[in-house]
mmCIF file of all heavy atoms, coordinates in Angstrom:
data_MODEL
# 
_entry.id   MODEL 
# 
loop_
_atom_site.group_PDB 
_atom_site.id 
_atom_site.type_symbol 
_atom_site.label_atom_id 
_atom_site.label_alt_id 
_atom_site.label_comp_id 
_atom_site.label_asym_id 
_atom_site.label_entity_id 
_atom_site.label_seq_id 
_atom_site.pdbx_PDB_ins_code 
_atom_site.Cartn_x 
_atom_site.Cartn_y 
_atom_site.Cartn_z 
_atom_site.occupancy 
_atom_site.B_iso_or_equiv 
_atom_site.pdbx_formal_charge 
_atom_site.auth_seq_id 
_atom_site.auth_comp_id 
_atom_site.auth_asym_id 
_atom_site.auth_atom_id 
_atom_site.pdbx_PDB_model_num 
ATOM 1   N N   . ARG A 1 1  ? 23.972 7.186  18.084 1.00 0.00 ? 1  ARG A N   1 
ATOM 2   C CA  . ARG A 1 1  ? 25.176 7.760  18.700 1.00 0.00 ? 1  ARG A CA  1 
ATOM 3   C C   . ARG A 1 1  ? 26.122 8.319  17.638 1.00 0.00 ? 1  ARG A C   1 
ATOM 4   O O   . ARG A 1 1  ? 26.305 7.733  16.574 1.00 0.00 ? 1  ARG A O   1 
ATOM 5   C CB  . ARG A 1 1  ? 25.908 6.697  19.523 1.00 0.00 ? 1  ARG A CB  1 
ATOM 6   C CG  . ARG A 1 1  ? 25.203 6.370  20.823 1.00 0.00 ? 1  ARG A CG  1 
ATOM 7   C CD  . ARG A 1 1  ? 26.171 5.845  21.866 1.00 0.00 ? 1  ARG A CD  1 
ATOM 8   N NE  . ARG A 1 1  ? 25.480 5.432  23.078 1.00 0.00 ? 1  ARG A NE  1 
ATOM 9   C CZ  . ARG A 1 1  ? 26.104 5.253  24.243 1.00 0.00 ? 1  ARG A CZ  1 
ATOM 10  N NH1 . ARG A 1 1  ? 27.409 5.416  24.348 1.00 0.00 ? 1  ARG A NH1 1 
ATOM 11  N NH2 . ARG A 1 1  ? 25.397 4.887  25.305 1.00 0.00 ? 1  ARG A NH2 1 
ATOM 12  N N   . LEU A 1 2  ? 26.732 9.450  17.956 1.00 0.00 ? 2  LEU A N   1 
ATOM 13  C CA  . LEU A 1 2  ? 27.666 10.076 17.038 1.00 0.00 ? 2  LEU A CA  1 
ATOM 14  C C   . LEU A 1 2  ? 28.992 9.323  17.056 1.00 0.00 ? 2  LEU A C   1 
ATOM 15  O O   . LEU A 1 2  ? 29.449 8.857  18.109 1.00 0.00 ? 2  LEU A O   1 
ATOM 16  C CB  . LEU A 1 2  ? 27.883 11.537 17.425 1.00 0.00 ? 2  LEU A CB  1 
ATOM 17  C CG  . LEU A 1 2  ? 26.639 12.425 17.401 1.00 0.00 ? 2  LEU A CG  1 
ATOM 18  C CD1 . LEU A 1 2  ? 26.958 13.816 17.922 1.00 0.00 ? 2  LEU A CD1 1 
ATOM 19  C CD2 . LEU A 1 2  ? 26.063 12.502 15.988 1.00 0.00 ? 2  LEU A CD2 1 
ATOM 20  N N   . LYS A 1 3  ? 29.602 9.202  15.908 1.00 0.00 ? 3  LYS A N   1 
ATOM 21  C CA  . LYS A 1 3  ? 30.868 8.485  15.788 1.00 0.00 ? 3  LYS A CA  1 
ATOM 22  C C   . LYS A 1 3  ? 31.947 9.115  16.665 1.00 0.00 ? 3  LYS A C   1 
ATOM 23  O O   . LYS A 1 3  ? 32.184 10.312 16.613 1.00 0.00 ? 3  LYS A O   1 
ATOM 24  C CB  . LYS A 1 3  ? 31.320 8.496  14.324 1.00 0.00 ? 3  LYS A CB  1 
ATOM 25  C CG  . LYS A 1 3  ? 32.572 7.685  14.059 1.00 0.00 ? 3  LYS A CG  1 
ATOM 26  C CD  . LYS A 1 3  ? 32.936 7.725  12.581 1.00 0.00 ? 3  LYS A CD  1 
ATOM 27  C CE  . LYS A 1 3  ? 34.209 6.938  12.312 1.00 0.00 ? 3  LYS A CE  1 
ATOM 28  N NZ  . LYS A 1 3  ? 34.596 7.002  10.874 1.00 0.00 ? 3  LYS A NZ  1 
ATOM 29  N N   . GLY A 1 4  ? 32.570 8.301  17.491 1.00 0.00 ? 4  GLY A N   1 
ATOM 30  C CA  . GLY A 1 4  ? 33.652 8.773  18.341 1.00 0.00 ? 4  GLY A CA  1 
ATOM 31  C C   . GLY A 1 4  ? 33.208 9.580  19.544 1.00 0.00 ? 4  GLY A C   1 
ATOM 32  O O   . GLY A 1 4  ? 34.036 10.152 20.256 1.00 0.00 ? 4  GLY A O   1 
ATOM 33  N N   . VAL A 1 5  ? 31.892 9.654  19.780 1.00 0.00 ? 5  VAL A N   1 
ATOM 34  C CA  . VAL A 1 5  ? 31.363 10.434 20.912 1.00 0.00 ? 5  VAL A CA  1 
ATOM 35  C C   . VAL A 1 5  ? 30.584 9.495  21.830 1.00 0.00 ? 5  VAL A C   1 
ATOM 36  O O   . VAL A 1 5  ? 29.553 8.955  21.450 1.00 0.00 ? 5  VAL A O   1 
ATOM 37  C CB  . VAL A 1 5  ? 30.435 11.569 20.420 1.00 0.00 ? 5  VAL A CB  1 
ATOM 38  C CG1 . VAL A 1 5  ? 29.894 12.351 21.609 1.00 0.00 ? 5  VAL A CG1 1 
ATOM 39  C CG2 . VAL A 1 5  ? 31.193 12.494 19.467 1.00 0.00 ? 5  VAL A CG2 1 
ATOM 40  N N   . ASN A 1 6  ? 31.078 9.311  23.036 1.00 0.00 ? 6  ASN A N   1 
ATOM 41  C CA  . ASN A 1 6  ? 30.454 8.366  23.969 1.00 0.00 ? 6  ASN A CA  1 
ATOM 42  C C   . ASN A 1 6  ? 29.378 9.037  24.821 1.00 0.00 ? 6  ASN A C   1 
ATOM 43  O O   . ASN A 1 6  ? 29.488 9.140  26.044 1.00 0.00 ? 6  ASN A O   1 
ATOM 44  C CB  . ASN A 1 6  ? 31.528 7.729  24.865 1.00 0.00 ? 6  ASN A CB  1 
ATOM 45  C CG  . ASN A 1 6  ? 30.962 6.599  25.724 1.00 0.00 ? 6  ASN A CG  1 
ATOM 46  O OD1 . ASN A 1 6  ? 30.007 5.929  25.323 1.00 0.00 ? 6  ASN A OD1 1 
ATOM 47  N ND2 . ASN A 1 6  ? 31.545 6.411  26.896 1.00 0.00 ? 6  ASN A ND2 1 
ATOM 48  N N   . ILE A 1 7  ? 28.346 9.523  24.151 1.00 0.00 ? 7  ILE A N   1 
ATOM 49  C CA  . ILE A 1 7  ? 27.216 10.164 24.829 1.00 0.00 ? 7  ILE A CA  1 
ATOM 50  C C   . ILE A 1 7  ? 25.942 9.498  24.324 1.00 0.00 ? 7  ILE A C   1 
ATOM 51  O O   . ILE A 1 7  ? 25.720 9.417  23.110 1.00 0.00 ? 7  ILE A O   1 
ATOM 52  C CB  . ILE A 1 7  ? 27.155 11.682 24.541 1.00 0.00 ? 7  ILE A CB  1 
ATOM 53  C CG1 . ILE A 1 7  ? 28.477 12.361 24.941 1.00 0.00 ? 7  ILE A CG1 1 
ATOM 54  C CG2 . ILE A 1 7  ? 25.997 12.322 25.297 1.00 0.00 ? 7  ILE A CG2 1 
ATOM 55  C CD1 . ILE A 1 7  ? 28.556 13.821 24.535 1.00 0.00 ? 7  ILE A CD1 1 
ATOM 56  N N   . PRO A 1 8  ? 25.079 9.021  25.218 1.00 0.00 ? 8  PRO A N   1 
ATOM 57  C CA  . PRO A 1 8  ? 23.862 8.338  24.773 1.00 0.00 ? 8  PRO A CA  1 
ATOM 58  C C   . PRO A 1 8  ? 22.873 9.310  24.121 1.00 0.00 ? 8  PRO A C   1 
ATOM 59  O O   . PRO A 1 8  ? 22.850 10.500 24.430 1.00 0.00 ? 8  PRO A O   1 
ATOM 60  C CB  . PRO A 1 8  ? 23.283 7.766  26.071 1.00 0.00 ? 8  PRO A CB  1 
ATOM 61  C CG  . PRO A 1 8  ? 23.814 8.658  27.142 1.00 0.00 ? 8  PRO A CG  1 
ATOM 62  C CD  . PRO A 1 8  ? 25.185 9.064  26.693 1.00 0.00 ? 8  PRO A CD  1 
ATOM 63  N N   . THR A 1 9  ? 22.070 8.780  23.220 1.00 0.00 ? 9  THR A N   1 
ATOM 64  C CA  . THR A 1 9  ? 21.020 9.590  22.604 1.00 0.00 ? 9  THR A CA  1 
ATOM 65  C C   . THR A 1 9  ? 19.810 9.651  23.535 1.00 0.00 ? 9  THR A C   1 
ATOM 66  O O   . THR A 1 9  ? 19.680 8.846  24.459 1.00 0.00 ? 9  THR A O   1 
ATOM 67  C CB  . THR A 1 9  ? 20.572 8.992  21.262 1.00 0.00 ? 9  THR A CB  1 
ATOM 68  O OG1 . THR A 1 9  ? 19.927 7.731  21.512 1.00 0.00 ? 9  THR A OG1 1 
ATOM 69  C CG2 . THR A 1 9  ? 21.757 8.778  20.328 1.00 0.00 ? 9  THR A CG2 1 
ATOM 70  N N   . LEU A 1 10 ? 18.931 10.608 23.274 1.00 0.00 ? 10 LEU A N   1 
ATOM 71  C CA  . LEU A 1 10 ? 17.667 10.672 24.003 1.00 0.00 ? 10 LEU A CA  1 
ATOM 72  C C   . LEU A 1 10 ? 16.832 9.429  23.700 1.00 0.00 ? 10 LEU A C   1 
ATOM 73  O O   . LEU A 1 10 ? 16.195 8.862  24.583 1.00 0.00 ? 10 LEU A O   1 
ATOM 74  C CB  . LEU A 1 10 ? 16.893 11.928 23.615 1.00 0.00 ? 10 LEU A CB  1 
ATOM 75  C CG  . LEU A 1 10 ? 17.431 13.253 24.151 1.00 0.00 ? 10 LEU A CG  1 
ATOM 76  C CD1 . LEU A 1 10 ? 16.821 14.426 23.388 1.00 0.00 ? 10 LEU A CD1 1 
ATOM 77  C CD2 . LEU A 1 10 ? 17.159 13.393 25.645 1.00 0.00 ? 10 LEU A CD2 1 
ATOM 78  N N   . ILE A 1 11 ? 16.870 9.004  22.440 1.00 0.00 ? 11 ILE A N   1 
ATOM 79  C CA  . ILE A 1 11 ? 16.057 7.864  22.009 1.00 0.00 ? 11 ILE A CA  1 
ATOM 80  C C   . ILE A 1 11 ? 16.418 6.600  22.773 1.00 0.00 ? 11 ILE A C   1 
ATOM 81  O O   . ILE A 1 11 ? 15.540 5.859  23.239 1.00 0.00 ? 11 ILE A O   1 
ATOM 82  C CB  . ILE A 1 11 ? 16.197 7.648  20.489 1.00 0.00 ? 11 ILE A CB  1 
ATOM 83  C CG1 . ILE A 1 11 ? 15.534 8.812  19.732 1.00 0.00 ? 11 ILE A CG1 1 
ATOM 84  C CG2 . ILE A 1 11 ? 15.572 6.318  20.062 1.00 0.00 ? 11 ILE A CG2 1 
ATOM 85  C CD1 . ILE A 1 11 ? 15.752 8.795  18.234 1.00 0.00 ? 11 ILE A CD1 1 
ATOM 86  N N   . GLU A 1 12 ? 17.713 6.339  22.937 1.00 0.00 ? 12 GLU A N   1 
ATOM 87  C CA  . GLU A 1 12 ? 18.098 5.117  23.642 1.00 0.00 ? 12 GLU A CA  1 
ATOM 88  C C   . GLU A 1 12 ? 17.810 5.186  25.144 1.00 0.00 ? 12 GLU A C   1 
ATOM 89  O O   . GLU A 1 12 ? 17.846 4.171  25.838 1.00 0.00 ? 12 GLU A O   1 
ATOM 90  C CB  . GLU A 1 12 ? 19.571 4.775  23.401 1.00 0.00 ? 12 GLU A CB  1 
ATOM 91  C CG  . GLU A 1 12 ? 20.574 5.716  24.026 1.00 0.00 ? 12 GLU A CG  1 
ATOM 92  C CD  . GLU A 1 12 ? 22.008 5.345  23.657 1.00 0.00 ? 12 GLU A CD  1 
ATOM 93  O OE1 . GLU A 1 12 ? 22.489 5.759  22.589 1.00 0.00 ? 12 GLU A OE1 1 
ATOM 94  O OE2 . GLU A 1 12 ? 22.645 4.646  24.459 1.00 0.00 ? 12 GLU A OE2 1 
ATOM 95  N N   . GLN A 1 13 ? 17.467 6.398  25.624 1.00 0.00 ? 13 GLN A N   1 
ATOM 96  C CA  . GLN A 1 13 ? 17.066 6.547  27.019 1.00 0.00 ? 13 GLN A CA  1 
ATOM 97  C C   . GLN A 1 13 ? 15.536 6.588  27.155 1.00 0.00 ? 13 GLN A C   1 
ATOM 98  O O   . GLN A 1 13 ? 15.011 6.973  28.190 1.00 0.00 ? 13 GLN A O   1 
ATOM 99  C CB  . GLN A 1 13 ? 17.697 7.815  27.600 1.00 0.00 ? 13 GLN A CB  1 
ATOM 100 C CG  . GLN A 1 13 ? 19.222 7.759  27.633 1.00 0.00 ? 13 GLN A CG  1 
ATOM 101 C CD  . GLN A 1 13 ? 19.835 9.011  28.234 1.00 0.00 ? 13 GLN A CD  1 
ATOM 102 O OE1 . GLN A 1 13 ? 19.741 9.260  29.440 1.00 0.00 ? 13 GLN A OE1 1 
ATOM 103 N NE2 . GLN A 1 13 ? 20.466 9.821  27.401 1.00 0.00 ? 13 GLN A NE2 1 
ATOM 104 N N   . GLY A 1 14 ? 14.861 6.172  26.089 1.00 0.00 ? 14 GLY A N   1 
ATOM 105 C CA  . GLY A 1 14 ? 13.402 6.067  26.135 1.00 0.00 ? 14 GLY A CA  1 
ATOM 106 C C   . GLY A 1 14 ? 12.647 7.341  25.839 1.00 0.00 ? 14 GLY A C   1 
ATOM 107 O O   . GLY A 1 14 ? 11.436 7.421  26.063 1.00 0.00 ? 14 GLY A O   1 
ATOM 108 N N   . ILE A 1 15 ? 13.356 8.377  25.350 1.00 0.00 ? 15 ILE A N   1 
ATOM 109 C CA  . ILE A 1 15 ? 12.705 9.658  25.025 1.00 0.00 ? 15 ILE A CA  1 
ATOM 110 C C   . ILE A 1 15 ? 12.784 9.832  23.515 1.00 0.00 ? 15 ILE A C   1 
ATOM 111 O O   . ILE A 1 15 ? 13.862 10.084 22.968 1.00 0.00 ? 15 ILE A O   1 
ATOM 112 C CB  . ILE A 1 15 ? 13.400 10.837 25.749 1.00 0.00 ? 15 ILE A CB  1 
ATOM 113 C CG1 . ILE A 1 15 ? 13.443 10.581 27.257 1.00 0.00 ? 15 ILE A CG1 1 
ATOM 114 C CG2 . ILE A 1 15 ? 12.682 12.149 25.443 1.00 0.00 ? 15 ILE A CG2 1 
ATOM 115 C CD1 . ILE A 1 15 ? 14.347 11.533 28.010 1.00 0.00 ? 15 ILE A CD1 1 
ATOM 116 N N   . ASN A 1 16 ? 11.675 9.695  22.845 1.00 0.00 ? 16 ASN A N   1 
ATOM 117 C CA  . ASN A 1 16 ? 11.649 9.668  21.381 1.00 0.00 ? 16 ASN A CA  1 
ATOM 118 C C   . ASN A 1 16 ? 11.764 11.076 20.787 1.00 0.00 ? 16 ASN A C   1 
ATOM 119 O O   . ASN A 1 16 ? 10.823 11.616 20.207 1.00 0.00 ? 16 ASN A O   1 
ATOM 120 C CB  . ASN A 1 16 ? 10.381 8.977  20.886 1.00 0.00 ? 16 ASN A CB  1 
ATOM 121 C CG  . ASN A 1 16 ? 10.424 8.720  19.398 1.00 0.00 ? 16 ASN A CG  1 
ATOM 122 O OD1 . ASN A 1 16 ? 11.496 8.591  18.805 1.00 0.00 ? 16 ASN A OD1 1 
ATOM 123 N ND2 . ASN A 1 16 ? 9.258  8.669  18.776 1.00 0.00 ? 16 ASN A ND2 1 
ATOM 124 N N   . VAL A 1 17 ? 12.950 11.667 20.928 1.00 0.00 ? 17 VAL A N   1 
ATOM 125 C CA  . VAL A 1 17 ? 13.215 13.012 20.419 1.00 0.00 ? 17 VAL A CA  1 
ATOM 126 C C   . VAL A 1 17 ? 14.525 13.000 19.638 1.00 0.00 ? 17 VAL A C   1 
ATOM 127 O O   . VAL A 1 17 ? 15.553 12.534 20.133 1.00 0.00 ? 17 VAL A O   1 
ATOM 128 C CB  . VAL A 1 17 ? 13.307 14.042 21.559 1.00 0.00 ? 17 VAL A CB  1 
ATOM 129 C CG1 . VAL A 1 17 ? 13.823 15.390 21.035 1.00 0.00 ? 17 VAL A CG1 1 
ATOM 130 C CG2 . VAL A 1 17 ? 11.949 14.234 22.222 1.00 0.00 ? 17 VAL A CG2 1 
ATOM 131 N N   . SER A 1 18 ? 14.480 13.506 18.421 1.00 0.00 ? 18 SER A N   1 
ATOM 132 C CA  . SER A 1 18 ? 15.668 13.651 17.581 1.00 0.00 ? 18 SER A CA  1 
ATOM 133 C C   . SER A 1 18 ? 15.536 14.958 16.824 1.00 0.00 ? 18 SER A C   1 
ATOM 134 O O   . SER A 1 18 ? 14.498 15.229 16.213 1.00 0.00 ? 18 SER A O   1 
ATOM 135 C CB  . SER A 1 18 ? 15.792 12.477 16.606 1.00 0.00 ? 18 SER A CB  1 
ATOM 136 O OG  . SER A 1 18 ? 16.869 12.692 15.715 1.00 0.00 ? 18 SER A OG  1 
ATOM 137 N N   . LEU A 1 19 ? 16.567 15.803 16.872 1.00 0.00 ? 19 LEU A N   1 
ATOM 138 C CA  . LEU A 1 19 ? 16.482 17.125 16.241 1.00 0.00 ? 19 LEU A CA  1 
ATOM 139 C C   . LEU A 1 19 ? 17.875 17.611 15.867 1.00 0.00 ? 19 LEU A C   1 
ATOM 140 O O   . LEU A 1 19 ? 18.790 17.603 16.693 1.00 0.00 ? 19 LEU A O   1 
ATOM 141 C CB  . LEU A 1 19 ? 15.816 18.119 17.204 1.00 0.00 ? 19 LEU A CB  1 
ATOM 142 C CG  . LEU A 1 19 ? 15.532 19.519 16.668 1.00 0.00 ? 19 LEU A CG  1 
ATOM 143 C CD1 . LEU A 1 19 ? 14.454 19.481 15.586 1.00 0.00 ? 19 LEU A CD1 1 
ATOM 144 C CD2 . LEU A 1 19 ? 15.091 20.452 17.800 1.00 0.00 ? 19 LEU A CD2 1 
ATOM 145 N N   . GLY A 1 20 ? 18.051 18.018 14.619 1.00 0.00 ? 20 GLY A N   1 
ATOM 146 C CA  . GLY A 1 20 ? 19.350 18.516 14.165 1.00 0.00 ? 20 GLY A CA  1 
ATOM 147 C C   . GLY A 1 20 ? 19.385 20.024 14.063 1.00 0.00 ? 20 GLY A C   1 
ATOM 148 O O   . GLY A 1 20 ? 18.356 20.698 14.066 1.00 0.00 ? 20 GLY A O   1 
ATOM 149 N N   . ASN A 1 21 ? 20.587 20.547 13.958 1.00 0.00 ? 21 ASN A N   1 
ATOM 150 C CA  . ASN A 1 21 ? 20.810 21.993 13.843 1.00 0.00 ? 21 ASN A CA  1 
ATOM 151 C C   . ASN A 1 21 ? 21.716 22.221 12.644 1.00 0.00 ? 21 ASN A C   1 
ATOM 152 O O   . ASN A 1 21 ? 22.770 21.610 12.538 1.00 0.00 ? 21 ASN A O   1 
ATOM 153 C CB  . ASN A 1 21 ? 21.469 22.522 15.122 1.00 0.00 ? 21 ASN A CB  1 
ATOM 154 C CG  . ASN A 1 21 ? 21.606 24.037 15.117 1.00 0.00 ? 21 ASN A CG  1 
ATOM 155 O OD1 . ASN A 1 21 ? 21.004 24.718 14.306 1.00 0.00 ? 21 ASN A OD1 1 
ATOM 156 N ND2 . ASN A 1 21 ? 22.415 24.570 16.015 1.00 0.00 ? 21 ASN A ND2 1 
ATOM 157 N N   . TRP A 1 22 ? 21.292 23.085 11.724 1.00 0.00 ? 22 TRP A N   1 
ATOM 158 C CA  . TRP A 1 22 ? 22.125 23.368 10.550 1.00 0.00 ? 22 TRP A CA  1 
ATOM 159 C C   . TRP A 1 22 ? 22.445 24.855 10.499 1.00 0.00 ? 22 TRP A C   1 
ATOM 160 O O   . TRP A 1 22 ? 21.750 25.676 11.087 1.00 0.00 ? 22 TRP A O   1 
ATOM 161 C CB  . TRP A 1 22 ? 21.417 22.933 9.259  1.00 0.00 ? 22 TRP A CB  1 
ATOM 162 C CG  . TRP A 1 22 ? 20.081 23.589 9.038  1.00 0.00 ? 22 TRP A CG  1 
ATOM 163 C CD1 . TRP A 1 22 ? 18.865 23.129 9.444  1.00 0.00 ? 22 TRP A CD1 1 
ATOM 164 C CD2 . TRP A 1 22 ? 19.834 24.856 8.404  1.00 0.00 ? 22 TRP A CD2 1 
ATOM 165 N NE1 . TRP A 1 22 ? 17.875 24.016 9.093  1.00 0.00 ? 22 TRP A NE1 1 
ATOM 166 C CE2 . TRP A 1 22 ? 18.432 25.078 8.456  1.00 0.00 ? 22 TRP A CE2 1 
ATOM 167 C CE3 . TRP A 1 22 ? 20.646 25.804 7.794  1.00 0.00 ? 22 TRP A CE3 1 
ATOM 168 C CZ2 . TRP A 1 22 ? 17.843 26.219 7.924  1.00 0.00 ? 22 TRP A CZ2 1 
ATOM 169 C CZ3 . TRP A 1 22 ? 20.068 26.949 7.274  1.00 0.00 ? 22 TRP A CZ3 1 
ATOM 170 C CH2 . TRP A 1 22 ? 18.679 27.146 7.335  1.00 0.00 ? 22 TRP A CH2 1 
ATOM 171 N N   . ARG A 1 23 ? 23.526 25.182 9.795  1.00 0.00 ? 23 ARG A N   1 
ATOM 172 C CA  . ARG A 1 23 ? 23.942 26.581 9.661  1.00 0.00 ? 23 ARG A CA  1 
ATOM 173 C C   . ARG A 1 23 ? 24.314 26.871 8.218  1.00 0.00 ? 23 ARG A C   1 
ATOM 174 O O   . ARG A 1 23 ? 24.806 25.997 7.501  1.00 0.00 ? 23 ARG A O   1 
ATOM 175 C CB  . ARG A 1 23 ? 25.132 26.885 10.578 1.00 0.00 ? 23 ARG A CB  1 
ATOM 176 C CG  . ARG A 1 23 ? 24.818 26.657 12.057 1.00 0.00 ? 23 ARG A CG  1 
ATOM 177 C CD  . ARG A 1 23 ? 25.969 27.071 12.962 1.00 0.00 ? 23 ARG A CD  1 
ATOM 178 N NE  . ARG A 1 23 ? 25.639 26.807 14.359 1.00 0.00 ? 23 ARG A NE  1 
ATOM 179 C CZ  . ARG A 1 23 ? 26.131 25.785 15.058 1.00 0.00 ? 23 ARG A CZ  1 
ATOM 180 N NH1 . ARG A 1 23 ? 26.973 24.955 14.494 1.00 0.00 ? 23 ARG A NH1 1 
ATOM 181 N NH2 . ARG A 1 23 ? 25.779 25.611 16.317 1.00 0.00 ? 23 ARG A NH2 1 
ATOM 182 N N   . GLY A 1 24 ? 24.086 28.108 7.809  1.00 0.00 ? 24 GLY A N   1 
ATOM 183 C CA  . GLY A 1 24 ? 24.401 28.502 6.440  1.00 0.00 ? 24 GLY A CA  1 
ATOM 184 C C   . GLY A 1 24 ? 24.668 29.983 6.346  1.00 0.00 ? 24 GLY A C   1 
ATOM 185 O O   . GLY A 1 24 ? 24.852 30.665 7.359  1.00 0.00 ? 24 GLY A O   1 
ATOM 186 N N   . VAL A 1 25 ? 24.690 30.504 5.125  1.00 0.00 ? 25 VAL A N   1 
ATOM 187 C CA  . VAL A 1 25 ? 24.936 31.930 4.917  1.00 0.00 ? 25 VAL A CA  1 
ATOM 188 C C   . VAL A 1 25 ? 23.983 32.493 3.871  1.00 0.00 ? 25 VAL A C   1 
ATOM 189 O O   . VAL A 1 25 ? 23.585 31.799 2.935  1.00 0.00 ? 25 VAL A O   1 
ATOM 190 C CB  . VAL A 1 25 ? 26.397 32.220 4.476  1.00 0.00 ? 25 VAL A CB  1 
ATOM 191 C CG1 . VAL A 1 25 ? 27.356 32.100 5.645  1.00 0.00 ? 25 VAL A CG1 1 
ATOM 192 C CG2 . VAL A 1 25 ? 26.831 31.312 3.331  1.00 0.00 ? 25 VAL A CG2 1 
ATOM 193 N N   . TYR A 1 26 ? 23.638 33.760 4.055  1.00 0.00 ? 26 TYR A N   1 
ATOM 194 C CA  . TYR A 1 26 ? 22.817 34.515 3.106  1.00 0.00 ? 26 TYR A CA  1 
ATOM 195 C C   . TYR A 1 26 ? 23.612 35.718 2.617  1.00 0.00 ? 26 TYR A C   1 
ATOM 196 O O   . TYR A 1 26 ? 24.507 36.220 3.329  1.00 0.00 ? 26 TYR A O   1 
ATOM 197 C CB  . TYR A 1 26 ? 21.541 35.012 3.783  1.00 0.00 ? 26 TYR A CB  1 
ATOM 198 C CG  . TYR A 1 26 ? 20.326 34.137 3.584  1.00 0.00 ? 26 TYR A CG  1 
ATOM 199 C CD1 . TYR A 1 26 ? 20.361 32.782 3.878  1.00 0.00 ? 26 TYR A CD1 1 
ATOM 200 C CD2 . TYR A 1 26 ? 19.141 34.662 3.105  1.00 0.00 ? 26 TYR A CD2 1 
ATOM 201 C CE1 . TYR A 1 26 ? 19.241 31.975 3.706  1.00 0.00 ? 26 TYR A CE1 1 
ATOM 202 C CE2 . TYR A 1 26 ? 18.001 33.869 2.917  1.00 0.00 ? 26 TYR A CE2 1 
ATOM 203 C CZ  . TYR A 1 26 ? 18.063 32.532 3.211  1.00 0.00 ? 26 TYR A CZ  1 
ATOM 204 O OH  . TYR A 1 26 ? 16.960 31.736 3.033  1.00 0.00 ? 26 TYR A OH  1 
ATOM 205 N N   . GLY A 1 27 ? 23.278 36.205 1.422  1.00 0.00 ? 27 GLY A N   1 
ATOM 206 C CA  . GLY A 1 27 ? 23.846 37.433 0.896  1.00 0.00 ? 27 GLY A CA  1 
ATOM 207 C C   . GLY A 1 27 ? 22.898 38.595 1.131  1.00 0.00 ? 27 GLY A C   1 
ATOM 208 O O   . GLY A 1 27 ? 21.785 38.429 1.636  1.00 0.00 ? 27 GLY A O   1 
ATOM 209 N N   . ALA A 1 28 ? 23.334 39.766 0.720  1.00 0.00 ? 28 ALA A N   1 
ATOM 210 C CA  . ALA A 1 28 ? 22.562 40.983 0.949  1.00 0.00 ? 28 ALA A CA  1 
ATOM 211 C C   . ALA A 1 28 ? 21.331 41.054 0.055  1.00 0.00 ? 28 ALA A C   1 
ATOM 212 O O   . ALA A 1 28 ? 21.259 40.395 -0.984 1.00 0.00 ? 28 ALA A O   1 
ATOM 213 C CB  . ALA A 1 28 ? 23.450 42.205 0.700  1.00 0.00 ? 28 ALA A CB  1 
ATOM 214 N N   . PRO A 1 29 ? 20.349 41.869 0.466  1.00 0.00 ? 29 PRO A N   1 
ATOM 215 C CA  . PRO A 1 29 ? 19.186 42.098 -0.403 1.00 0.00 ? 29 PRO A CA  1 
ATOM 216 C C   . PRO A 1 29 ? 19.625 42.846 -1.663 1.00 0.00 ? 29 PRO A C   1 
ATOM 217 O O   . PRO A 1 29 ? 20.596 43.608 -1.646 1.00 0.00 ? 29 PRO A O   1 
ATOM 218 C CB  . PRO A 1 29 ? 18.278 42.990 0.444  1.00 0.00 ? 29 PRO A CB  1 
ATOM 219 C CG  . PRO A 1 29 ? 18.794 42.889 1.842  1.00 0.00 ? 29 PRO A CG  1 
ATOM 220 C CD  . PRO A 1 29 ? 20.255 42.614 1.723  1.00 0.00 ? 29 PRO A CD  1 
# 
């Protein structure tokens, strides 16, 4: 569970799925 967020994870509901999303930046060619 995320800190300060009262939302259950998929894992604790018996669904073994965990996946993150990241963001970044690229420069020009």
